[in-house]
Amino acid sequence: MNQAIQFPDRETWDAQQQAVIFPVQINGMGMNCAISQEALRARFGEGEAMALFVAHRWDLEDEAETLIRDDRIDNQGWLWLP
């Protein structure tokens, strides 16, 4: 599947979900990707969630792109990184 996938630099912290939310554009259609604070700390160690996300942005976006191509979007239209 040939998809144009872009990640704008507009990540936000969602206190209610305790996750970093970052948008993605797929062929011009917008959707949300997210990774929980718990997952960020499990992967990258202790630290503030937004700082961990920014430090590892490229790897997380690459992983999200792979999951998008594998159609791992949930029934709410979100992609949650494990």
C-alpha atoms as a PDB file:
ATOM      1  CA  MET A   1       0.000   0.000   0.000  1.00  0.00           C
ATOM      2  CA  ASN A   2       1.503   3.329  -1.058  1.00  0.00           C
ATOM      3  CA  GLN A   3       0.525   5.942   1.508  1.00  0.00           C
ATOM      4  CA  ALA A   4       1.840   9.438   2.072  1.00  0.00           C
ATOM      5  CA  ILE A   5       2.413   9.551   5.826  1.00  0.00           C
ATOM      6  CA  GLN A   6       3.510  12.757   7.565  1.00  0.00           C
ATOM      7  CA  PHE A   7       3.953  13.606  11.239  1.00  0.00           C
ATOM      8  CA  PRO A   8       3.570  17.323  11.997  1.00  0.00           C
ATOM      9  CA  ASP A   9       5.449  18.570  15.068  1.00  0.00           C
ATOM     10  CA  ARG A  10       2.324  19.171  17.170  1.00  0.00           C
ATOM     11  CA  GLU A  11       2.549  16.638  19.971  1.00  0.00           C
ATOM     12  CA  THR A  12       0.641  17.361  23.169  1.00  0.00           C
ATOM     13  CA  TRP A  13       0.419  15.922  26.658  1.00  0.00           C
ATOM     14  CA  ASP A  14      -2.997  14.515  27.579  1.00  0.00           C
ATOM     15  CA  ALA A  15      -3.205  14.445  31.377  1.00  0.00           C
ATOM     16  CA  GLN A  16      -6.446  12.486  31.399  1.00  0.00           C
ATOM     17  CA  GLN A  17      -5.011   9.646  29.314  1.00  0.00           C
ATOM     18  CA  GLN A  18      -1.485  10.055  30.730  1.00  0.00           C
ATOM     19  CA  ALA A  19      -0.141   9.916  27.178  1.00  0.00           C
ATOM     20  CA  VAL A  20       1.633  11.934  24.531  1.00  0.00           C
ATOM     21  CA  ILE A  21      -0.704  12.464  21.585  1.00  0.00           C
ATOM     22  CA  PHE A  22       0.858  13.174  18.199  1.00  0.00           C
ATOM     23  CA  PRO A  23      -0.996  13.763  14.945  1.00  0.00           C
ATOM     24  CA  VAL A  24      -0.380  12.030  11.651  1.00  0.00           C
ATOM     25  CA  GLN A  25      -1.568  12.876   8.146  1.00  0.00           C
ATOM     26  CA  ILE A  26      -2.239   9.874   5.905  1.00  0.00           C
ATOM     27  CA  ASN A  27      -2.907  10.946   2.329  1.00  0.00           C
ATOM     28  CA  GLY A  28      -4.186  14.238   3.743  1.00  0.00           C
ATOM     29  CA  MET A  29      -6.514  12.625   6.303  1.00  0.00           C
ATOM     30  CA  GLY A  30      -5.728  13.375   9.928  1.00  0.00           C
ATOM     31  CA  MET A  31      -5.707  10.945  12.818  1.00  0.00           C
ATOM     32  CA  ASN A  32      -4.077  10.649  16.217  1.00  0.00           C
ATOM     33  CA  CYS A  33      -1.272   8.474  17.436  1.00  0.00           C
ATOM     34  CA  ALA A  34      -0.455   8.093  21.104  1.00  0.00           C
ATOM     35  CA  ILE A  35       1.982   6.518  23.501  1.00  0.00           C
ATOM     36  CA  SER A  36       1.398   6.287  27.218  1.00  0.00           C
ATOM     37  CA  GLN A  37       3.755   7.728  29.789  1.00  0.00           C
ATOM     38  CA  GLU A  38       4.151   4.211  31.167  1.00  0.00           C
ATOM     39  CA  ALA A  39       5.254   2.879  27.763  1.00  0.00           C
ATOM     40  CA  LEU A  40       7.707   5.759  27.289  1.00  0.00           C
ATOM     41  CA  ARG A  41       9.298   5.106  30.679  1.00  0.00           C
ATOM     42  CA  ALA A  42       9.415   1.339  30.110  1.00  0.00           C
ATOM     43  CA  ARG A  43      11.260   1.896  26.837  1.00  0.00           C
ATOM     44  CA  PHE A  44      13.497   4.852  27.628  1.00  0.00           C
ATOM     45  CA  GLY A  45      13.799   5.111  31.420  1.00  0.00           C
ATOM     46  CA  GLU A  46      12.619   7.690  33.902  1.00  0.00           C
ATOM     47  CA  GLY A  47      11.875  11.183  32.751  1.00  0.00           C
ATOM     48  CA  GLU A  48       9.158  13.604  31.782  1.00  0.00           C
ATOM     49  CA  ALA A  49       6.941  12.098  29.068  1.00  0.00           C
ATOM     50  CA  MET A  50       7.174  14.983  26.591  1.00  0.00           C
ATOM     51  CA  ALA A  51      10.970  15.118  26.914  1.00  0.00           C
ATOM     52  CA  LEU A  52      11.229  11.352  26.355  1.00  0.00           C
ATOM     53  CA  PHE A  53       8.964  11.622  23.315  1.00  0.00           C
ATOM     54  CA  VAL A  54      10.961  14.492  21.784  1.00  0.00           C
ATOM     55  CA  ALA A  55      14.266  12.698  22.412  1.00  0.00           C
ATOM     56  CA  HIS A  56      13.025   9.564  20.621  1.00  0.00           C
ATOM     57  CA  ARG A  57      10.641  11.145  18.117  1.00  0.00           C
ATOM     58  CA  TRP A  58      12.200   9.641  14.975  1.00  0.00           C
ATOM     59  CA  ASP A  59      12.121   6.076  16.283  1.00  0.00           C
ATOM     60  CA  LEU A  60       8.545   6.450  17.539  1.00  0.00           C
ATOM     61  CA  GLU A  61       7.371   7.947  14.244  1.00  0.00           C
ATOM     62  CA  ASP A  62       9.072   5.121  12.320  1.00  0.00           C
ATOM     63  CA  GLU A  63       7.299   2.586  14.521  1.00  0.00           C
ATOM     64  CA  ALA A  64       3.972   4.379  14.095  1.00  0.00           C
ATOM     65  CA  GLU A  65       4.435   4.407  10.313  1.00  0.00           C
ATOM     66  CA  THR A  66       5.007   0.640  10.321  1.00  0.00           C
ATOM     67  CA  LEU A  67       1.894   0.082  12.456  1.00  0.00           C
ATOM     68  CA  ILE A  68      -0.163   2.327  10.150  1.00  0.00           C
ATOM     69  CA  ARG A  69       0.977   0.332   7.124  1.00  0.00           C
ATOM     70  CA  ASP A  70      -0.001  -2.852   9.025  1.00  0.00           C
ATOM     71  CA  ASP A  71      -3.452  -1.311   9.672  1.00  0.00           C
ATOM     72  CA  ARG A  72      -3.112  -1.405  13.476  1.00  0.00           C
ATOM     73  CA  ILE A  73      -5.521   1.517  13.951  1.00  0.00           C
ATOM     74  CA  ASP A  74      -8.117   0.862  16.670  1.00  0.00           C
ATOM     75  CA  ASN A  75     -11.885   1.080  16.229  1.00  0.00           C
ATOM     76  CA  GLN A  76     -11.808   4.680  17.504  1.00  0.00           C
ATOM     77  CA  GLY A  77      -9.455   5.696  14.694  1.00  0.00           C
ATOM     78  CA  TRP A  78      -6.400   5.956  16.958  1.00  0.00           C
ATOM     79  CA  LEU A  79      -3.019   4.297  16.775  1.00  0.00           C
ATOM     80  CA  TRP A  80      -1.569   3.450  20.203  1.00  0.00           C
ATOM     81  CA  LEU A  81       2.098   2.522  20.288  1.00  0.00           C
ATOM     82  CA  PRO A  82       2.635  -0.470  22.590  1.00  0.00           C
END
